[in-house]
Protein backbone atom coordinates (compact mmCIF):
# COMPACT_ATOMS: atom_id res chain seq x y z
CA MET A 1 -7.50 3.32 -35.12
CA LYS A 2 -10.47 1.63 -33.43
CA LYS A 3 -12.89 3.89 -35.30
CA LEU A 4 -11.13 3.09 -38.60
CA LEU A 5 -11.31 -0.66 -37.98
CA SER A 6 -15.00 -0.34 -37.16
CA LEU A 7 -15.69 1.48 -40.44
CA VAL A 8 -13.75 -1.16 -42.40
CA LEU A 9 -15.72 -3.93 -40.70
CA VAL A 10 -19.03 -2.26 -41.57
CA ALA A 11 -17.96 -1.93 -45.20
CA VAL A 12 -16.93 -5.60 -45.41
CA LEU A 13 -20.21 -6.76 -43.90
CA SER A 14 -22.18 -4.59 -46.31
CA LEU A 15 -20.38 -6.10 -49.30
CA SER A 16 -21.02 -9.58 -47.92
CA LEU A 17 -24.72 -8.90 -47.69
CA VAL A 18 -24.81 -7.66 -51.30
CA ALA A 19 -22.78 -10.62 -52.55
CA CYS A 20 -25.13 -13.03 -50.82
CA GLY A 21 -28.20 -11.46 -52.35
CA GLY A 22 -29.16 -9.81 -49.10
CA LYS A 23 -29.34 -13.01 -47.10
CA THR A 24 -29.16 -12.57 -43.34
CA THR A 25 -25.81 -13.47 -41.82
CA THR A 26 -24.82 -13.93 -38.21
CA GLU A 27 -22.22 -11.41 -37.13
CA PRO A 28 -19.42 -12.76 -34.96
CA THR A 29 -19.67 -11.54 -31.38
CA GLU A 30 -16.67 -10.30 -29.44
CA PRO A 31 -16.02 -11.89 -26.05
CA THR A 32 -17.39 -9.78 -23.18
CA GLU A 33 -14.30 -10.58 -21.13
CA PRO A 34 -10.70 -11.46 -21.98
CA THR A 35 -9.99 -15.11 -22.66
CA GLU A 36 -6.47 -14.78 -21.26
CA THR A 37 -5.05 -13.35 -18.04
CA VAL A 38 -4.60 -9.58 -18.04
CA THR A 39 -1.80 -8.32 -15.76
CA ILE A 40 -1.02 -4.83 -14.51
CA SER A 41 1.64 -3.70 -12.06
CA VAL A 42 1.09 -1.16 -9.29
CA GLN A 43 3.76 0.75 -7.34
CA ALA A 44 3.46 0.93 -3.55
CA GLU A 45 5.66 2.35 -0.81
CA GLY A 46 6.66 -0.23 1.80
CA GLY A 47 4.07 0.87 4.33
CA TRP A 48 1.29 0.83 1.74
CA VAL A 49 1.73 -2.76 0.57
CA SER A 50 -0.86 -4.38 2.86
CA LEU A 51 -3.54 -1.88 1.78
CA TYR A 52 -2.64 -2.31 -1.88
CA GLU A 53 -2.70 -6.09 -1.65
CA GLU A 54 -6.12 -5.97 -0.03
CA VAL A 55 -7.46 -3.77 -2.81
CA ALA A 56 -5.84 -5.89 -5.52
CA GLN A 57 -7.53 -8.98 -4.10
CA VAL A 58 -10.94 -7.28 -4.25
CA ILE A 59 -10.45 -6.62 -7.97
CA MET A 60 -9.05 -10.08 -8.71
CA ASP A 61 -11.96 -11.72 -6.87
CA LYS A 62 -14.28 -9.72 -9.10
CA TYR A 63 -12.62 -10.74 -12.38
CA SER A 64 -11.27 -14.22 -12.95
CA TRP A 65 -9.01 -12.93 -15.71
CA ALA A 66 -7.41 -10.17 -13.63
CA ASN A 67 -3.90 -10.27 -12.19
CA ILE A 68 -2.60 -7.26 -10.24
CA VAL A 69 1.04 -7.32 -9.17
CA ILE A 70 2.06 -5.00 -6.35
CA LYS A 71 5.63 -3.76 -6.70
CA GLU A 72 7.15 -2.39 -3.50
CA THR A 73 9.24 0.62 -4.43
CA GLY A 74 9.52 4.26 -3.45
CA SER A 75 7.41 6.76 -5.32
CA PHE A 76 10.40 8.95 -6.17
CA ASP A 77 12.46 5.90 -7.09
CA ASN A 78 9.78 4.95 -9.61
CA ILE A 79 9.57 8.50 -10.99
CA ASN A 80 13.36 8.78 -11.22
CA LEU A 81 13.44 5.49 -13.12
CA ILE A 82 11.00 6.94 -15.64
CA GLY A 83 13.20 10.01 -15.98
CA SER A 84 16.37 8.00 -16.56
CA THR A 85 14.73 5.56 -19.00
CA SER A 86 11.14 5.86 -20.21
CA ALA A 87 7.58 4.88 -19.37
CA THR A 88 8.00 1.76 -21.51
CA ASN A 89 10.64 0.35 -19.16
CA GLU A 90 9.19 -2.89 -17.78
CA GLU A 91 10.47 -1.98 -14.31
CA VAL A 92 8.19 1.07 -14.32
CA THR A 93 4.73 0.20 -13.06
CA ASP A 94 1.39 0.68 -14.82
CA VAL A 95 -0.12 2.57 -11.87
CA PHE A 96 1.94 4.79 -9.58
CA ALA A 97 1.79 7.67 -7.13
CA LEU A 98 3.14 11.10 -8.01
CA PRO A 99 3.36 14.46 -6.26
CA LEU A 100 1.69 17.49 -7.80
CA ASP A 101 4.93 19.19 -8.80
CA LYS A 102 6.10 16.21 -10.87
CA MET A 103 3.05 16.19 -13.13
CA TYR A 104 4.30 18.73 -15.68
CA GLY A 105 7.61 17.01 -16.27
CA LEU A 106 5.89 13.63 -16.65
CA ASN A 107 3.36 15.16 -19.03
CA GLN A 108 6.07 16.68 -21.21
CA ASN A 109 7.58 13.22 -21.53
CA PHE A 110 4.18 11.70 -22.44
CA VAL A 111 4.18 9.41 -19.42
CA LEU A 112 0.65 9.88 -18.12
CA ALA A 113 -2.55 8.50 -19.62
CA SER A 114 -5.60 10.77 -19.78
CA LEU A 115 -8.22 9.59 -17.26
CA PRO A 116 -12.04 9.91 -17.09
CA VAL A 117 -11.72 11.48 -13.64
CA LYS A 118 -15.15 13.11 -13.45
CA GLU A 119 -16.92 9.79 -13.97
CA MET A 120 -14.58 8.10 -11.49
CA ALA A 121 -15.14 10.81 -8.89
CA GLU A 122 -18.90 10.52 -9.30
CA ARG A 123 -18.78 6.77 -8.67
CA ILE A 124 -16.42 7.12 -5.69
CA GLY A 125 -18.20 10.08 -4.07
CA GLY A 126 -17.17 12.89 -1.76
CA PHE A 127 -15.29 15.16 -4.19
CA GLY A 128 -17.73 18.07 -4.40
CA ASP A 129 -16.63 20.62 -7.02
CA TYR A 130 -13.90 18.50 -8.60
CA ASP A 131 -12.16 21.23 -10.56
CA LYS A 132 -11.90 23.61 -7.60
CA GLY A 133 -10.28 20.93 -5.47
CA LEU A 134 -6.98 19.09 -5.78
CA GLY A 135 -8.30 17.14 -8.77
CA GLY A 136 -8.43 20.26 -10.90
CA GLU A 137 -4.70 20.82 -10.34
CA PHE A 138 -3.89 17.64 -12.29
CA GLN A 139 -5.43 18.96 -15.52
CA VAL A 140 -3.34 20.17 -18.46
CA ASP A 141 -4.91 21.52 -21.65
CA GLY A 142 -8.22 19.81 -20.92
CA ASP A 143 -6.71 16.41 -20.10
CA TYR A 144 -6.87 15.05 -16.55
CA LEU A 145 -3.59 13.23 -16.04
CA ALA A 146 -3.93 11.74 -12.55
CA PHE A 147 -6.53 11.08 -9.88
CA PRO A 148 -6.18 12.98 -6.56
CA LEU A 149 -4.87 10.90 -3.66
CA ASN A 150 -4.21 13.24 -0.75
CA VAL A 151 -3.80 16.87 0.28
CA GLU A 152 -0.86 17.79 2.47
CA THR A 153 0.98 20.66 4.08
CA LEU A 154 3.13 21.15 7.17
CA ILE A 155 1.76 21.67 10.70
CA THR A 156 3.13 22.24 14.20
CA PHE A 157 3.68 19.32 16.58
CA ILE A 158 4.09 20.27 20.24
CA ASN A 159 5.45 18.39 23.25
CA LYS A 160 3.22 19.74 26.02
CA THR A 161 5.35 18.29 28.80
CA ASN A 162 8.45 20.03 27.45
CA ALA A 163 6.42 23.23 27.11
CA GLU A 164 5.42 23.07 30.76
CA THR A 165 9.06 22.57 31.79
CA ALA A 166 10.03 25.61 29.71
CA GLY A 167 7.20 27.67 31.17
CA LEU A 168 5.50 28.09 27.79
CA ASP A 169 1.84 27.89 26.77
CA PRO A 170 1.88 25.05 24.24
CA MET A 171 -1.07 26.38 22.24
CA ALA A 172 0.03 30.03 22.15
CA THR A 173 1.80 31.62 19.19
CA VAL A 174 5.59 31.34 19.52
CA GLU A 175 8.02 33.80 17.94
CA ILE A 176 11.29 32.18 16.85
CA ASN A 177 13.27 35.31 17.74
CA ASP A 178 12.02 35.25 21.33
CA VAL A 179 12.94 31.71 22.44
CA ASP A 180 16.02 29.55 22.91
CA GLY A 181 17.39 27.77 19.85
CA ASP A 182 16.02 24.32 20.71
CA THR A 183 12.52 25.52 21.59
CA VAL A 184 11.57 25.59 17.91
CA LEU A 185 13.41 23.14 15.64
CA ILE A 186 13.22 23.63 11.88
CA PRO A 187 15.89 22.28 9.48
CA ALA A 188 15.81 25.48 7.42
CA TRP A 189 18.51 24.24 5.02
CA ASN A 190 16.16 21.51 3.82
CA THR A 191 14.12 23.22 1.11
CA TRP A 192 10.88 21.43 1.97
CA PHE A 193 10.99 22.88 5.49
CA GLY A 194 12.77 26.11 4.54
CA VAL A 195 9.88 26.98 2.23
CA ALA A 196 7.60 27.30 5.28
CA MET A 197 9.89 30.05 6.61
CA LEU A 198 10.46 31.73 3.23
CA ASN A 199 6.73 31.84 2.49
CA SER A 200 6.19 33.78 5.72
CA ALA A 201 8.03 36.71 4.10
CA ASN A 202 6.58 36.11 0.60
CA ILE A 203 9.98 35.28 -0.88
CA GLU A 204 9.86 33.76 -4.37
CA LEU A 205 12.75 31.36 -4.78
CA LEU A 206 12.01 30.86 -8.48
CA GLY A 207 9.13 32.29 -10.44
CA MET A 208 8.11 32.37 -14.08
CA ASN A 209 7.10 35.51 -15.96
CA GLU A 210 4.28 35.52 -18.50
CA ASP A 211 6.82 35.34 -21.34
CA GLY A 212 8.31 32.14 -19.89
CA SER A 213 11.44 33.75 -18.46
CA PHE A 214 12.48 33.15 -14.87
CA PHE A 215 13.16 35.38 -11.89
CA SER A 216 14.10 35.01 -8.23
CA ASP A 217 13.81 37.37 -5.29
CA LEU A 218 17.15 35.96 -4.15
CA THR A 219 19.23 37.58 -6.90
CA ALA A 220 18.75 41.15 -5.66
CA GLU A 221 21.59 42.97 -3.96
CA TRP A 222 21.25 43.19 -0.17
CA ALA A 223 20.63 46.93 -0.37
CA ASP A 224 17.84 46.37 -2.89
CA LEU A 225 15.96 43.78 -0.85
CA THR A 226 12.65 44.89 0.59
CA PRO A 227 12.71 45.68 4.31
CA GLU A 228 10.61 42.54 4.87
CA HIS A 229 13.16 40.37 3.06
CA GLN A 230 16.10 41.92 4.90
CA GLU A 231 14.29 41.33 8.17
CA PHE A 232 13.66 37.72 7.19
CA PHE A 233 17.33 36.96 6.56
CA THR A 234 18.30 38.76 9.73
CA GLY A 235 15.90 36.55 11.70
CA LEU A 236 17.07 33.38 9.93
CA PHE A 237 20.72 34.33 10.48
CA ASN A 238 20.09 34.91 14.19
CA TYR A 239 18.41 31.49 14.40
CA PHE A 240 21.48 29.99 12.70
CA LYS A 241 23.85 31.78 15.10
CA LYS A 242 22.02 30.37 18.12
CA HIS A 243 22.72 26.86 16.83
CA GLN A 244 26.31 27.65 15.94
CA GLU A 245 26.92 28.85 19.49
CA MET A 246 25.22 25.71 20.86
CA GLU A 247 27.33 23.56 18.49
CA SER A 248 24.15 21.85 17.37
CA PRO A 249 24.08 19.97 14.05
CA LEU A 250 20.77 21.50 12.92
CA PHE A 251 22.27 23.61 10.12
CA THR A 252 24.97 21.20 9.01
CA GLY A 253 22.57 18.49 7.92
CA ASP A 254 24.72 15.88 9.65
CA ASP A 255 22.66 14.13 12.31
CA ALA A 256 20.10 16.97 12.15
CA TRP A 257 17.15 14.57 12.08
CA GLY A 258 18.47 12.50 14.97
CA TYR A 259 19.14 15.70 16.91
CA MET A 260 15.55 16.84 16.36
CA ASP A 261 14.13 13.45 17.35
CA GLU A 262 16.17 13.25 20.52
CA ASN A 263 15.13 16.72 21.60
CA PHE A 264 11.43 16.16 20.87
CA LYS A 265 11.34 13.29 23.32
CA THR A 266 9.71 14.09 26.65
CA GLY A 267 12.45 15.56 28.80
CA GLY A 268 14.20 17.10 25.79
CA MET A 269 14.59 20.80 25.02
CA ASN A 270 12.34 20.92 21.93
CA VAL A 271 8.75 22.12 22.31
CA PHE A 272 7.64 23.06 18.77
CA ARG A 273 8.50 21.16 15.60
CA ILE A 274 7.04 21.43 12.11
CA ASP A 275 6.35 18.22 10.24
CA GLY A 276 3.76 16.65 7.96
CA PRO A 277 0.89 14.29 8.73
CA TRP A 278 3.12 11.42 7.57
CA GLY A 279 5.27 12.04 10.66
CA THR A 280 2.43 11.43 13.12
CA ASN A 281 3.23 7.84 14.10
CA GLY A 282 6.96 8.48 14.34
CA LEU A 283 6.47 11.45 16.64
CA LYS A 284 4.07 9.45 18.81
CA ASP A 285 6.88 6.94 19.22
CA LEU A 286 9.12 9.73 20.54
CA ALA A 287 6.62 11.20 22.99
CA SER A 288 3.49 9.72 24.51
CA GLU A 289 0.13 10.60 22.97
CA GLU A 290 -0.72 12.40 26.21
CA SER A 291 2.28 14.72 25.72
CA ILE A 292 1.62 15.64 22.08
CA ALA A 293 -0.55 18.52 20.92
CA VAL A 294 -1.04 19.76 17.37
CA ALA A 295 -1.49 23.29 16.04
CA PRO A 296 -1.58 25.02 12.64
CA ILE A 297 1.82 25.87 11.21
CA GLY A 298 0.97 29.55 11.63
CA ASN A 299 1.28 29.19 15.40
CA ILE A 300 5.01 29.63 14.79
CA THR A 301 6.09 33.09 13.60
CA LEU A 302 9.33 34.69 12.40
CA ASN A 303 9.47 38.46 12.77
CA GLY A 304 5.79 38.29 13.61
CA ASN A 305 4.89 36.62 10.31
CA PRO A 306 3.13 33.23 10.58
CA LEU A 307 4.90 30.35 8.87
CA LYS A 308 2.98 28.87 5.96
CA HIS A 309 3.69 26.08 3.57
CA TRP A 310 2.27 24.98 0.20
CA LYS A 311 -1.04 23.57 -0.87
CA SER A 312 0.59 20.32 -1.82
CA GLY A 313 -0.79 16.94 -2.74
CA TRP A 314 -0.37 13.61 -4.47
CA ALA A 315 -2.27 11.65 -7.07
CA LEU A 316 -2.42 8.24 -8.71
CA GLY A 317 -1.43 8.14 -12.36
CA VAL A 318 -1.64 5.52 -15.09
CA ASN A 319 1.27 4.75 -17.42
CA SER A 320 0.52 5.95 -20.95
CA ARG A 321 1.85 2.69 -22.42
CA ILE A 322 -1.42 0.91 -21.47
CA GLU A 323 -3.74 3.70 -22.61
CA GLU A 324 -4.81 1.81 -25.73
CA ASP A 325 -5.26 -1.51 -23.90
CA GLU A 326 -8.92 -1.59 -22.92
CA TRP A 327 -8.65 -4.33 -20.31
CA LYS A 328 -5.50 -3.08 -18.62
CA MET A 329 -7.05 0.37 -18.41
CA LYS A 330 -10.17 -1.16 -16.91
CA LEU A 331 -8.13 -2.83 -14.17
CA ALA A 332 -6.09 0.31 -13.52
CA LEU A 333 -9.16 2.52 -13.17
CA GLU A 334 -11.04 0.06 -11.00
CA PHE A 335 -8.01 -0.31 -8.76
CA ILE A 336 -7.86 3.46 -8.29
CA GLU A 337 -11.59 3.69 -7.62
CA GLU A 338 -11.45 0.92 -5.03
CA ILE A 339 -8.43 2.26 -3.18
CA MET A 340 -9.90 5.77 -3.17
CA SER A 341 -13.30 4.71 -1.84
CA GLN A 342 -14.44 6.83 1.09
CA GLU A 343 -14.42 3.75 3.33
CA ARG A 344 -10.61 3.57 2.96
CA SER A 345 -9.79 7.12 4.11
CA ALA A 346 -8.89 6.04 7.64
CA GLN A 347 -6.73 3.21 6.24
CA TRP A 348 -4.79 5.72 4.17
CA PHE A 349 -4.07 7.79 7.26
CA ASP A 350 -3.04 4.71 9.25
CA VAL A 351 -0.56 3.41 6.67
CA ALA A 352 0.81 6.66 5.25
CA GLY A 353 -0.52 9.69 7.11
CA LYS A 354 -2.38 10.63 3.93
CA ILE A 355 -5.55 12.70 4.11
CA THR A 356 -7.79 11.89 1.16
CA PRO A 357 -9.65 14.81 -0.46
CA ASN A 358 -12.97 12.92 -0.50
CA ALA A 359 -13.03 11.74 3.11
CA ALA A 360 -16.48 11.65 4.70
CA ASP A 361 -17.15 13.87 7.73
CA ASP A 362 -16.91 10.90 10.09
CA ALA A 363 -14.04 9.15 8.27
CA TYR A 364 -11.55 9.66 11.10
CA ALA A 365 -13.92 9.28 14.05
CA ASN A 366 -12.22 6.09 15.25
CA LEU A 367 -8.67 7.44 15.11
CA ASP A 368 -6.85 8.44 18.31
CA ALA A 369 -7.08 12.06 19.49
CA VAL A 370 -3.65 13.07 18.15
CA SER A 371 -4.42 11.71 14.67
CA GLN A 372 -7.79 13.44 14.61
CA ALA A 373 -6.09 16.71 15.60
CA VAL A 374 -3.52 16.24 12.84
CA VAL A 375 -6.25 15.89 10.21
CA GLU A 376 -8.01 19.00 11.52
CA LYS A 377 -4.87 21.16 11.67
CA VAL A 378 -3.59 20.01 8.28
CA MET A 379 -6.83 21.19 6.69
CA GLU A 380 -6.68 24.46 8.61
CA SER A 381 -3.06 25.04 7.56
CA TYR A 382 -3.85 23.96 3.98
CA ASP A 383 -6.47 26.68 3.67
CA ALA A 384 -3.85 29.31 4.62
CA ALA A 385 -1.06 27.78 2.52
CA SER A 386 0.43 29.20 -0.69
CA LYS A 387 0.08 27.66 -4.13
CA ARG A 388 3.17 25.63 -4.92
CA PRO A 389 5.19 26.25 -8.12
CA LEU A 390 4.36 23.67 -10.75
CA PHE A 391 6.88 24.16 -13.58
CA LYS A 392 9.56 21.50 -13.93
CA GLU A 393 12.48 23.95 -13.70
CA TRP A 394 11.63 24.41 -10.02
CA ASP A 395 13.20 20.99 -9.44
CA GLN A 396 16.58 22.72 -9.56
CA VAL A 397 15.69 24.93 -6.58
CA TRP A 398 15.82 22.01 -4.12
CA GLY A 399 19.56 21.59 -4.34
CA THR A 400 20.28 25.28 -4.92
CA TRP A 401 18.73 26.40 -1.64
CA GLN A 402 19.93 23.39 0.33
CA ASN A 403 23.59 23.66 -0.69
CA ALA A 404 23.67 27.42 -0.15
CA ALA A 405 21.95 27.32 3.25
CA LYS A 406 24.14 24.47 4.49
CA SER A 407 27.22 26.43 3.46
CA TRP A 408 26.53 28.84 6.32
CA ALA A 409 27.82 26.22 8.77
CA SER A 410 31.16 25.90 6.96
CA GLU A 411 31.58 29.53 5.82
CA ASN A 412 30.41 31.00 9.14
CA PRO A 413 29.24 34.37 7.73
CA ALA A 414 29.79 37.36 10.00
CA ASP A 415 26.32 38.87 9.63
CA ALA A 416 22.98 38.56 7.87
CA GLU A 417 24.20 40.36 4.74
CA ALA A 418 27.16 38.00 4.36
CA ALA A 419 24.89 35.02 4.91
CA TYR A 420 22.42 36.29 2.31
CA ASN A 421 25.21 36.81 -0.23
CA LEU A 422 26.01 33.07 -0.06
CA ILE A 423 22.39 32.39 -0.99
CA LYS A 424 22.46 35.06 -3.71
CA ALA A 425 25.54 33.58 -5.37
CA SER A 426 23.82 30.21 -5.74
CA PHE A 427 20.63 31.70 -7.18
CA ASP A 428 22.59 33.95 -9.54
CA ALA A 429 24.18 30.78 -10.90
CA LEU A 430 20.81 29.07 -11.21
CA LEU A 431 19.25 31.98 -13.10
CA SER A 432 22.18 32.16 -15.48
CA GLN A 433 21.63 28.49 -16.34
CA LEU A 434 17.92 28.97 -16.97
CA GLN A 435 18.11 32.12 -19.12
């Protein structure tokens, strides 16, 4: 449309010159800046607001016509609002955060504007080979649909004081089968955490074939499972039974998080707990910094197989509704560039436990020892992590695994095979819906 208008303007000017006998005319000049206020809205989680407001002020001080409104709302709340309405909904912000796995669904609904990410990354600095990093994951059919914000995966947090009481080496590998139920606490029914256990045995909850059809390792009959997969469910069932006998709430979901927190406190029974970098400050509130150590997630094993999570991450996207508005896009892109500057990497960790993919080598030098260890072990665990599924149908796995795994507490299966069959029934139902 802009190209067409430009061609029409050239034609009109040419005719004018001919009509005036070739006399020189003064072409009207467009204003170099807007003559009216330009407003964009930006989504921010509660803990991010102070950082976002600081960045917004930098941009507004730079441009007298700029107005950036920070809207405090959860990232998933914002994404769910898009899903239930559309990107044009005024309550949906112009700039927002999104996790990697949500990109394909948003793209199919034409929510995300295409961004000049390579130029942005060059101005910001620190990204190296952009396409081989997290940034390349946010590209679909040649369009880059979001700018990388942070890499993440799960790691192991350790209460060293509790380890000493239990007579355990806090930095040694720990086998779940070999310790008491509370020594390692993992809410396996929660899919985000359960994935770390399932990945250790290379179990595909939901995969896509080349022809677009779906499959799951969890629809096989017990007798047809690989020995590794049978061993996995035997180990998970034994872990479940320990907690049933202790009458702990870990597998019911009710009060599971409070139970884990209480036991991670110094003097509690928990030594090893998997969590993400976002949990750093909360865990430091439960145990003193002197008591906490950090290790890669692979320091915990099940049946001798190291736990491993996904190569996950988040990005900042721009609402497609402003893609054709030059000045709104300018504000959106400059906001992203400013908040992703290398100088703000430590701020991102402080406010959200986020580890930016372009952080300088010394970005975290002034953080406390626990935080520095978290950054180091996240990157170590990230290198060993699996690629996460990125098709939108995987969204249905979250509830499928969670509901099936939590049913163990109410159904009280007699053995590993019976427990697996509860999982199988749920995934059989899921596959029948998808085929």
